[in-house]
């Protein structure tokens, strides 16, 4: 596929790396020539220096025969105008734009269509990050919570701790403990190395366990792997920008929420916008302020400013002063590798955004893509098509499907029914199949596996 990426920032650069490794023809456009040169030194891609929305720049980038344009510059207006130019002058088939401003997103349905601003897919990073944090707050003890099949199925990552019923026992014993709850462990990471889960695999304390289950069964399964955390009540948010404000607005009816923001004018507008949230003018890096606001009784402290260093330091301070859980926004991937146990969960806006973008880039009928473990692994939802004559998966039992090494089928959603993957299950056409890829480089093999053709019958 021939793809033009506009913007060589952290999202654009990471996306280019993902797609270039999957035999796509990638050209990336940016006004910063040094940034482009750094990418070209490590990736087999084309680069164009220039303004992303200028017709001559897009022409040089090959817009005349491009299959897709992905606009992820830091400017909403440049992204939208680039899509308009690509549509009007080059008839680009698929146009994806990152849009951050809530003002535009509030009128998304009216604005973004072929008759007005011709954007086929809108990516809103702040909304995606907010949803991810909401899931973590709603599922105490989870490291990651990912939705599939419109939320009917969830893939959850937890760290197994001493005292969990299944720790020190084999995986097949989960079914004995919970005969009425069906689940599947999709992957285990032990000291950052993947372990293929078998029925005889013994769960050890400290393991990062990814399991899949129907949404209503998630909490029951988590209780098998670790001591169940009590539901959260008190949430403190450092940073009243787009993400912090959107998060507070999303959860203020269910939790006791406080927002700490340094800018006085922003505090005033937040206090008018938020109905049940306490808005404080100050810095979350001041120990006295945190103590006065009862940080020791806070269930979740969320550091959501636009400064990685501040987020990390505030989170460490909050944790030492008694916050039970800290969630930290970290955009620099190098920092994410450095943070220790004092930060419970680091959130990467780039990886969340990239996962959303990849769902529209992958070959085949793919509904969802989630980028995991800082991009090393992936979870995808792919729709099976064809029949036993034209498909390698339809009409076959799961134990007859030759999945690539490191790829696990976790569940199938058939209409409204959630079917956890077991060897005797037969895949039917239009099933939503949820897979976990320990190595994302196996994605091309998965795409071939689900491709519809002729001569596959055996």
Protein backbone atom coordinates (compact mmCIF):
# COMPACT_ATOMS: atom_id res chain seq x y z
CA UNK A 1 0.00 0.00 0.00
CA UNK A 2 1.27 3.48 -0.85
CA UNK A 3 0.83 5.73 2.20
CA UNK A 4 1.72 9.39 2.78
CA UNK A 5 2.22 10.42 6.42
CA UNK A 6 2.10 14.13 7.18
CA UNK A 7 4.05 15.02 10.31
CA UNK A 8 7.29 13.40 11.50
CA UNK A 9 6.68 13.89 15.21
CA UNK A 10 6.49 11.05 17.70
CA UNK A 11 3.21 9.67 16.32
CA UNK A 12 4.18 10.09 12.66
CA UNK A 13 7.65 8.64 13.19
CA UNK A 14 6.43 5.64 15.17
CA UNK A 15 3.66 5.00 12.63
CA UNK A 16 6.17 5.13 9.78
CA UNK A 17 8.29 2.55 11.59
CA UNK A 18 5.30 0.25 12.07
CA UNK A 19 4.17 0.47 8.46
CA UNK A 20 7.58 0.41 6.78
CA UNK A 21 8.28 -2.92 8.46
CA UNK A 22 5.14 -4.36 6.84
CA UNK A 23 6.19 -3.88 3.21
CA UNK A 24 4.29 -0.64 2.64
CA UNK A 25 5.54 2.18 0.42
CA UNK A 26 5.84 5.05 2.93
CA UNK A 27 6.58 8.73 2.28
CA UNK A 28 6.67 11.09 5.25
CA UNK A 29 6.33 14.88 4.96
CA UNK A 30 7.53 17.48 7.46
CA UNK A 31 8.93 21.00 7.47
CA UNK A 32 11.79 19.89 9.76
CA UNK A 33 14.50 18.42 7.52
CA UNK A 34 16.66 17.22 10.44
CA UNK A 35 13.81 15.16 11.83
CA UNK A 36 13.23 13.61 8.41
CA UNK A 37 16.92 12.84 7.99
CA UNK A 38 16.98 11.01 11.33
CA UNK A 39 14.02 8.86 10.24
CA UNK A 40 15.54 8.13 6.84
CA UNK A 41 18.75 6.94 8.49
CA UNK A 42 16.87 4.13 10.25
CA UNK A 43 13.90 3.37 7.99
CA UNK A 44 13.43 2.46 4.34
CA UNK A 45 11.05 5.34 3.56
CA UNK A 46 10.81 8.39 1.32
CA UNK A 47 10.89 11.89 2.80
CA UNK A 48 9.73 15.29 1.53
CA UNK A 49 10.55 18.58 3.23
CA UNK A 50 7.76 21.14 2.96
CA UNK A 51 4.41 22.36 4.19
CA UNK A 52 2.09 19.38 4.63
CA UNK A 53 -1.00 21.02 3.13
CA UNK A 54 0.57 22.66 0.05
CA UNK A 55 -0.48 21.06 -3.24
CA UNK A 56 3.07 21.02 -4.65
CA UNK A 57 4.36 19.27 -1.51
CA UNK A 58 1.70 16.58 -1.74
CA UNK A 59 2.42 16.20 -5.46
CA UNK A 60 6.13 15.62 -4.71
CA UNK A 61 5.12 13.07 -2.07
CA UNK A 62 3.24 11.06 -4.71
CA UNK A 63 -0.34 11.99 -3.84
CA UNK A 64 -1.46 11.29 -7.44
CA UNK A 65 -1.38 7.54 -6.88
CA UNK A 66 -1.35 7.25 -3.06
CA UNK A 67 -3.81 4.82 -1.46
CA UNK A 68 -3.96 6.66 1.85
CA UNK A 69 -3.03 9.96 3.46
CA UNK A 70 -2.54 10.16 7.24
CA UNK A 71 -2.29 13.71 8.60
CA UNK A 72 -0.79 13.79 12.10
CA UNK A 73 0.95 17.18 12.25
CA UNK A 74 0.57 19.25 15.42
CA UNK A 75 -1.95 21.54 13.69
CA UNK A 76 -5.60 20.52 13.33
CA UNK A 77 -6.05 23.10 10.60
CA UNK A 78 -3.09 21.87 8.53
CA UNK A 79 -4.31 18.27 8.91
CA UNK A 80 -7.81 19.16 7.72
CA UNK A 81 -6.63 21.32 4.85
CA UNK A 82 -4.24 18.60 3.68
CA UNK A 83 -7.18 16.18 3.49
CA UNK A 84 -9.18 18.75 1.53
CA UNK A 85 -6.33 19.25 -0.97
CA UNK A 86 -5.76 15.50 -1.31
CA UNK A 87 -9.45 14.98 -1.99
CA UNK A 88 -9.93 17.87 -4.41
CA UNK A 89 -6.73 17.64 -6.45
CA UNK A 90 -5.67 14.01 -6.16
CA UNK A 91 -8.84 12.08 -5.27
CA UNK A 92 -6.95 10.17 -2.56
CA UNK A 93 -9.15 7.18 -1.59
CA UNK A 94 -8.65 7.25 2.21
CA UNK A 95 -7.86 10.32 4.28
CA UNK A 96 -7.19 10.12 8.03
CA UNK A 97 -6.71 13.20 10.18
CA UNK A 98 -5.68 13.78 13.77
CA UNK A 99 -7.98 16.39 15.33
CA UNK A 100 -7.37 17.51 18.90
CA UNK A 101 -9.57 20.56 19.46
CA UNK A 102 -12.82 19.80 21.32
CA UNK A 103 -14.38 22.68 19.36
CA UNK A 104 -14.06 20.74 16.10
CA UNK A 105 -14.89 17.37 17.64
CA UNK A 106 -18.13 18.74 19.09
CA UNK A 107 -19.42 19.10 15.51
CA UNK A 108 -17.68 16.03 14.10
CA UNK A 109 -20.69 14.53 12.33
CA UNK A 110 -21.63 17.78 10.57
CA UNK A 111 -18.11 18.90 9.66
CA UNK A 112 -16.30 15.82 8.47
CA UNK A 113 -17.89 14.35 5.36
CA UNK A 114 -17.34 14.50 1.61
CA UNK A 115 -19.63 17.52 1.23
CA UNK A 116 -17.69 19.64 3.75
CA UNK A 117 -14.29 18.65 5.18
CA UNK A 118 -13.50 15.37 3.37
CA UNK A 119 -11.92 13.34 6.17
CA UNK A 120 -12.77 9.64 6.21
CA UNK A 121 -11.44 8.87 9.69
CA UNK A 122 -10.95 11.25 12.63
CA UNK A 123 -8.38 10.34 15.28
CA UNK A 124 -8.77 12.25 18.57
CA UNK A 125 -5.78 11.38 20.81
CA UNK A 126 -7.16 13.12 23.89
CA UNK A 127 -10.43 11.18 23.68
CA UNK A 128 -8.57 7.89 23.18
CA UNK A 129 -6.27 8.52 26.15
CA UNK A 130 -9.19 9.59 28.34
CA UNK A 131 -11.09 6.41 27.51
CA UNK A 132 -8.03 4.32 28.37
CA UNK A 133 -7.63 5.99 31.77
CA UNK A 134 -11.36 5.65 32.50
CA UNK A 135 -11.06 1.90 31.91
CA UNK A 136 -8.13 1.68 34.33
CA UNK A 137 -10.03 3.57 37.02
CA UNK A 138 -13.11 1.38 36.51
CA UNK A 139 -11.00 -1.82 36.81
CA UNK A 140 -8.82 -1.49 39.94
CA UNK A 141 -5.61 -3.49 39.67
CA UNK A 142 -5.52 -3.62 35.86
CA UNK A 143 -2.43 -2.46 33.96
CA UNK A 144 -4.32 -2.24 30.68
CA UNK A 145 -7.96 -2.72 29.63
CA UNK A 146 -8.76 -3.07 25.93
CA UNK A 147 -12.22 -3.24 24.36
CA UNK A 148 -13.24 -5.50 21.48
CA UNK A 149 -16.56 -6.10 19.75
CA UNK A 150 -17.98 -2.78 20.99
CA UNK A 151 -17.04 -3.56 24.58
CA UNK A 152 -18.55 -7.03 24.84
CA UNK A 153 -15.09 -8.58 25.21
CA UNK A 154 -12.10 -7.16 27.07
CA UNK A 155 -8.42 -8.02 27.09
CA UNK A 156 -6.94 -7.14 30.47
CA UNK A 157 -3.35 -7.08 31.69
CA UNK A 158 -2.68 -7.61 35.40
CA UNK A 159 0.41 -8.28 37.48
CA UNK A 160 0.12 -11.49 39.47
CA UNK A 161 0.91 -10.97 43.16
CA UNK A 162 1.63 -13.26 46.08
CA UNK A 163 -1.67 -14.31 47.60
CA UNK A 164 -3.64 -14.69 44.38
CA UNK A 165 -5.50 -18.04 44.26
CA UNK A 166 -3.92 -19.13 40.94
CA UNK A 167 -0.35 -17.94 41.66
CA UNK A 168 1.90 -20.98 41.93
CA UNK A 169 -0.65 -23.18 40.19
CA UNK A 170 -1.26 -24.29 36.61
CA UNK A 171 -3.46 -22.25 34.29
CA UNK A 172 -6.00 -25.02 33.73
CA UNK A 173 -6.95 -24.73 37.41
CA UNK A 174 -8.64 -21.38 36.74
CA UNK A 175 -11.56 -23.34 35.27
CA UNK A 176 -11.74 -25.50 38.41
CA UNK A 177 -11.84 -22.39 40.61
CA UNK A 178 -14.49 -20.70 38.42
CA UNK A 179 -16.54 -23.39 36.66
CA UNK A 180 -19.17 -20.85 35.52
CA UNK A 181 -16.72 -18.26 34.16
CA UNK A 182 -14.92 -18.81 30.87
CA UNK A 183 -11.61 -17.08 30.15
CA UNK A 184 -8.41 -17.55 28.18
CA UNK A 185 -4.91 -16.39 29.06
CA UNK A 186 -3.61 -14.91 25.82
CA UNK A 187 -0.03 -14.22 26.91
CA UNK A 188 2.28 -14.09 29.90
CA UNK A 189 5.31 -11.83 30.15
CA UNK A 190 7.87 -12.87 32.76
CA UNK A 191 10.74 -10.43 33.31
CA UNK A 192 9.73 -8.80 30.01
CA UNK A 193 10.04 -12.07 28.06
CA UNK A 194 6.96 -13.70 26.52
CA UNK A 195 5.86 -17.16 27.62
CA UNK A 196 3.39 -19.12 25.51
CA UNK A 197 0.55 -20.03 27.89
CA UNK A 198 -0.36 -23.71 28.07
CA UNK A 199 -2.70 -25.46 30.46
CA UNK A 200 0.33 -26.68 32.41
CA UNK A 201 1.97 -23.23 32.64
CA UNK A 202 2.46 -22.17 36.25
CA UNK A 203 1.72 -18.53 37.07
CA UNK A 204 4.45 -16.88 39.12
CA UNK A 205 4.24 -13.77 41.28
CA UNK A 206 5.37 -10.78 39.22
CA UNK A 207 4.09 -12.22 35.92
CA UNK A 208 2.28 -9.79 33.63
CA UNK A 209 -0.75 -11.80 32.53
CA UNK A 210 -2.99 -10.87 29.58
CA UNK A 211 -6.36 -12.59 29.76
CA UNK A 212 -9.51 -12.26 27.69
CA UNK A 213 -13.10 -12.66 28.88
CA UNK A 214 -16.59 -11.30 28.46
CA UNK A 215 -16.80 -7.85 30.08
CA UNK A 216 -19.06 -9.03 32.89
CA UNK A 217 -16.52 -11.70 33.92
CA UNK A 218 -13.40 -9.51 34.07
CA UNK A 219 -13.47 -8.78 37.80
CA UNK A 220 -14.00 -12.44 38.70
CA UNK A 221 -10.98 -13.50 36.63
CA UNK A 222 -8.80 -10.73 38.08
CA UNK A 223 -9.56 -12.04 41.57
CA UNK A 224 -7.96 -15.35 40.59
CA UNK A 225 -4.66 -13.72 39.66
CA UNK A 226 -4.26 -11.13 42.41
CA UNK A 227 -5.83 -9.74 45.52
CA UNK A 228 -8.83 -7.74 44.38
CA UNK A 229 -8.41 -4.00 44.86
CA UNK A 230 -11.36 -2.20 46.38
CA UNK A 231 -13.30 0.00 43.95
CA UNK A 232 -11.73 3.42 43.67
CA UNK A 233 -13.54 6.43 45.14
CA UNK A 234 -11.13 9.39 45.18
CA UNK A 235 -9.26 10.57 42.07
CA UNK A 236 -6.78 13.46 41.92
CA UNK A 237 -5.77 14.86 38.52
CA UNK A 238 -2.66 16.99 38.01
CA UNK A 239 -3.12 19.09 34.88
CA UNK A 240 -6.31 20.72 33.63
CA UNK A 241 -5.55 20.62 29.90
CA UNK A 242 -7.60 18.75 27.31
CA UNK A 243 -6.94 15.29 28.75
CA UNK A 244 -7.27 16.25 32.42
CA UNK A 245 -10.45 18.25 31.84
CA UNK A 246 -12.04 15.58 29.65
CA UNK A 247 -11.19 12.87 32.20
CA UNK A 248 -12.64 14.88 35.08
CA UNK A 249 -15.83 15.53 33.13
CA UNK A 250 -16.12 11.83 32.26
CA UNK A 251 -15.79 10.50 35.81
CA UNK A 252 -17.02 13.26 38.14
CA UNK A 253 -20.47 11.68 38.51
CA UNK A 254 -19.00 8.36 39.71
CA UNK A 255 -15.98 9.48 41.78
CA UNK A 256 -14.81 12.26 44.09
CA UNK A 257 -12.54 14.23 41.76
CA UNK A 258 -10.00 17.00 42.37
CA UNK A 259 -8.08 18.79 39.61
CA UNK A 260 -4.86 20.71 40.33
CA UNK A 261 -3.93 23.29 37.69
CA UNK A 262 -1.26 26.03 37.81
CA UNK A 263 -2.85 28.47 35.33
CA UNK A 264 -5.42 30.61 37.14
CA UNK A 265 -7.47 31.45 34.02
CA UNK A 266 -7.75 27.76 33.14
CA UNK A 267 -8.83 27.01 36.71
CA UNK A 268 -11.67 29.51 36.38
CA UNK A 269 -12.92 28.02 33.11
CA UNK A 270 -12.63 24.49 34.53
CA UNK A 271 -14.62 25.41 37.62
CA UNK A 272 -17.41 26.66 35.34
CA UNK A 273 -17.28 23.60 33.06
CA UNK A 274 -17.08 20.93 35.77
CA UNK A 275 -20.16 20.45 37.96
CA UNK A 276 -18.98 18.12 40.74
CA UNK A 277 -15.17 18.48 40.61
CA UNK A 278 -13.06 20.50 43.04
CA UNK A 279 -10.63 22.67 41.04
CA UNK A 280 -7.47 23.81 42.84
CA UNK A 281 -5.06 26.51 41.67
CA UNK A 282 -1.53 25.34 42.39
CA UNK A 283 1.19 22.83 41.55
CA UNK A 284 1.00 19.11 42.25
CA UNK A 285 4.77 19.17 42.76
CA UNK A 286 4.24 21.06 46.07
CA UNK A 287 4.20 18.49 48.91
CA UNK A 288 2.28 20.81 51.24
CA UNK A 289 -0.59 21.19 48.76
CA UNK A 290 -0.86 17.42 48.27
CA UNK A 291 -0.82 16.84 52.02
CA UNK A 292 -3.49 19.50 52.60
CA UNK A 293 -5.66 17.83 49.96
CA UNK A 294 -5.37 14.43 51.68
CA UNK A 295 -3.14 12.69 49.15
CA UNK A 296 -2.80 9.77 51.60
CA UNK A 297 -6.49 8.93 51.11
CA UNK A 298 -6.40 9.34 47.30
CA UNK A 299 -7.06 6.10 45.41
CA UNK A 300 -5.71 7.24 42.03
CA UNK A 301 -3.36 10.12 41.23
CA UNK A 302 -3.23 10.96 37.50
CA UNK A 303 -0.34 13.13 36.25
CA UNK A 304 -1.62 14.49 32.92
CA UNK A 305 0.32 17.68 32.17
CA UNK A 306 2.13 18.16 28.84
CA UNK A 307 5.54 17.85 30.53
CA UNK A 308 6.95 14.33 30.98
CA UNK A 309 9.49 15.33 33.62
CA UNK A 310 6.85 17.08 35.72
CA UNK A 311 4.48 14.13 35.38
CA UNK A 312 7.13 11.66 36.55
CA UNK A 313 8.28 13.76 39.52
CA UNK A 314 4.70 14.57 40.63
CA UNK A 315 3.76 10.89 40.42
CA UNK A 316 6.75 9.79 42.50
CA UNK A 317 5.97 12.47 45.09
CA UNK A 318 2.28 11.52 45.24
CA UNK A 319 3.18 7.85 45.65
CA UNK A 320 5.62 8.55 48.47
CA UNK A 321 3.02 10.72 50.22
CA UNK A 322 0.49 7.89 50.20
CA UNK A 323 -1.44 7.78 46.91
CA UNK A 324 -2.50 4.17 46.38
CA UNK A 325 -2.13 4.17 42.57
CA UNK A 326 -0.44 6.58 40.17
CA UNK A 327 -1.13 6.84 36.43
CA UNK A 328 1.41 8.91 34.52
CA UNK A 329 1.26 10.37 31.01
CA UNK A 330 4.66 9.86 29.34
CA UNK A 331 5.19 10.83 25.70
CA UNK A 332 8.93 10.15 25.49
CA UNK A 333 9.39 6.38 25.04
CA UNK A 334 12.89 6.57 26.52
CA UNK A 335 11.40 7.77 29.82
CA UNK A 336 8.81 5.00 29.83
CA UNK A 337 11.66 2.45 29.96
CA UNK A 338 13.34 4.24 32.87
CA UNK A 339 10.49 4.64 35.34
CA UNK A 340 10.54 2.21 38.23
CA UNK A 341 7.96 0.59 40.46
CA UNK A 342 6.95 3.90 42.03
CA UNK A 343 4.93 4.64 38.90
CA UNK A 344 2.21 2.01 38.64
CA UNK A 345 1.01 2.68 35.08
CA UNK A 346 2.56 4.81 32.35
CA UNK A 347 0.27 5.91 29.53
CA UNK A 348 1.69 6.49 26.04
CA UNK A 349 -0.54 8.72 23.89
CA UNK A 350 1.48 7.72 20.82
CA UNK A 351 0.91 3.99 21.23
CA UNK A 352 -2.81 4.47 21.90
CA UNK A 353 -3.14 6.71 18.84
CA UNK A 354 -1.10 4.37 16.63
CA UNK A 355 -3.30 1.42 17.58
CA UNK A 356 -6.35 3.36 16.46
CA UNK A 357 -4.66 4.30 13.17
CA UNK A 358 -3.50 0.77 12.41
CA UNK A 359 -7.07 -0.54 12.38
CA UNK A 360 -7.60 1.48 9.19
CA UNK A 361 -4.29 0.56 7.57
CA UNK A 362 -4.17 -3.20 8.01
CA UNK A 363 -5.10 -5.44 5.11
CA UNK A 364 -8.30 -7.41 5.55
CA UNK A 365 -11.45 -6.65 7.50
CA UNK A 366 -9.99 -5.48 10.81
CA UNK A 367 -12.21 -3.78 13.39
CA UNK A 368 -9.74 -3.05 16.18
CA UNK A 369 -5.99 -2.86 16.72
CA UNK A 370 -4.39 -2.22 20.11
CA UNK A 371 -0.66 -1.61 20.35
CA UNK A 372 0.74 -3.22 23.52
CA UNK A 373 3.93 -3.15 25.54
CA UNK A 374 5.16 0.05 23.86
CA UNK A 375 4.49 -1.30 20.39
CA UNK A 376 6.23 -4.67 20.70
CA UNK A 377 2.98 -6.66 20.81
CA UNK A 378 -0.49 -6.24 19.33
CA UNK A 379 -4.05 -7.36 19.89
CA UNK A 380 -6.35 -7.29 16.87
CA UNK A 381 -9.97 -8.03 16.01
CA UNK A 382 -10.38 -9.41 12.51
CA UNK A 383 -13.60 -10.50 10.80
CA UNK A 384 -13.47 -13.91 9.12
CA UNK A 385 -14.94 -14.12 5.60
CA UNK A 386 -15.44 -16.82 2.99
CA UNK A 387 -16.14 -20.51 3.45
CA UNK A 388 -14.20 -23.75 3.88
CA UNK A 389 -13.16 -23.62 0.19
CA UNK A 390 -11.92 -20.02 0.11
CA UNK A 391 -10.66 -19.43 3.65
CA UNK A 392 -7.91 -20.93 5.80
CA UNK A 393 -9.95 -20.33 8.96
CA UNK A 394 -13.69 -20.53 8.21
CA UNK A 395 -15.15 -24.00 8.76
CA UNK A 396 -12.12 -25.14 10.75
CA UNK A 397 -11.66 -26.00 14.40
CA UNK A 398 -9.23 -23.73 16.21
CA UNK A 399 -6.76 -26.58 16.68
CA UNK A 400 -6.76 -27.06 12.87
CA UNK A 401 -5.78 -23.46 12.13
CA UNK A 402 -2.07 -22.95 11.51
CA UNK A 403 -1.57 -19.73 13.46
CA UNK A 404 1.93 -18.22 13.18
CA UNK A 405 4.31 -18.73 16.09
CA UNK A 406 3.55 -16.33 18.92
CA UNK A 407 -0.05 -15.71 17.78
CA UNK A 408 -2.89 -16.73 20.09
CA UNK A 409 -6.62 -16.74 19.31
CA UNK A 410 -8.29 -15.51 22.48
CA UNK A 411 -11.98 -15.28 21.70
CA UNK A 412 -14.65 -15.18 19.01
CA UNK A 413 -17.68 -12.91 18.97
CA UNK A 414 -20.57 -14.32 16.94
CA UNK A 415 -23.44 -11.82 16.71
CA UNK A 416 -24.05 -11.06 20.42
CA UNK A 417 -22.43 -14.25 21.72
CA UNK A 418 -18.94 -14.22 23.28
CA UNK A 419 -17.12 -17.53 22.74
CA UNK A 420 -13.80 -17.98 24.54
CA UNK A 421 -11.30 -19.82 22.34
CA UNK A 422 -11.02 -23.57 22.94
CA UNK A 423 -9.63 -26.18 20.56
CA UNK A 424 -13.05 -27.60 19.53
CA UNK A 425 -14.56 -24.23 18.49
CA UNK A 426 -15.26 -23.96 14.73
CA UNK A 427 -14.86 -20.55 13.07
CA UNK A 428 -17.85 -19.36 11.04
CA UNK A 429 -18.07 -16.66 8.39
CA UNK A 430 -18.52 -13.15 9.87
CA UNK A 431 -17.09 -14.20 13.23
CA UNK A 432 -15.05 -11.49 14.95
CA UNK A 433 -11.82 -13.26 15.89
CA UNK A 434 -9.65 -11.65 18.58
CA UNK A 435 -5.94 -12.45 18.41
CA UNK A 436 -2.92 -11.60 20.53
CA UNK A 437 0.45 -11.20 18.77
CA UNK A 438 3.49 -11.40 21.02
CA UNK A 439 5.54 -10.21 18.02
CA UNK A 440 3.82 -7.59 15.88
CA UNK A 441 6.09 -8.54 12.95
CA UNK A 442 3.79 -11.54 12.52
CA UNK A 443 0.94 -9.30 11.35
CA UNK A 444 1.55 -9.96 7.64
CA UNK A 445 1.28 -13.71 8.29
CA UNK A 446 -2.01 -13.14 10.13
CA UNK A 447 -3.32 -11.03 7.23
CA UNK A 448 -2.50 -13.88 4.82
CA UNK A 449 -4.15 -16.39 7.15
CA UNK A 450 -7.45 -14.49 7.02
CA UNK A 451 -7.26 -13.56 3.33
CA UNK A 452 -10.03 -14.97 1.14
CA UNK A 453 -8.92 -16.78 -2.01
CA UNK A 454 -9.15 -20.08 -3.82
CA UNK A 455 -7.41 -23.40 -3.37
CA UNK A 456 -7.29 -23.31 0.43
CA UNK A 457 -9.49 -26.37 0.88
CA UNK A 458 -7.70 -29.35 2.33
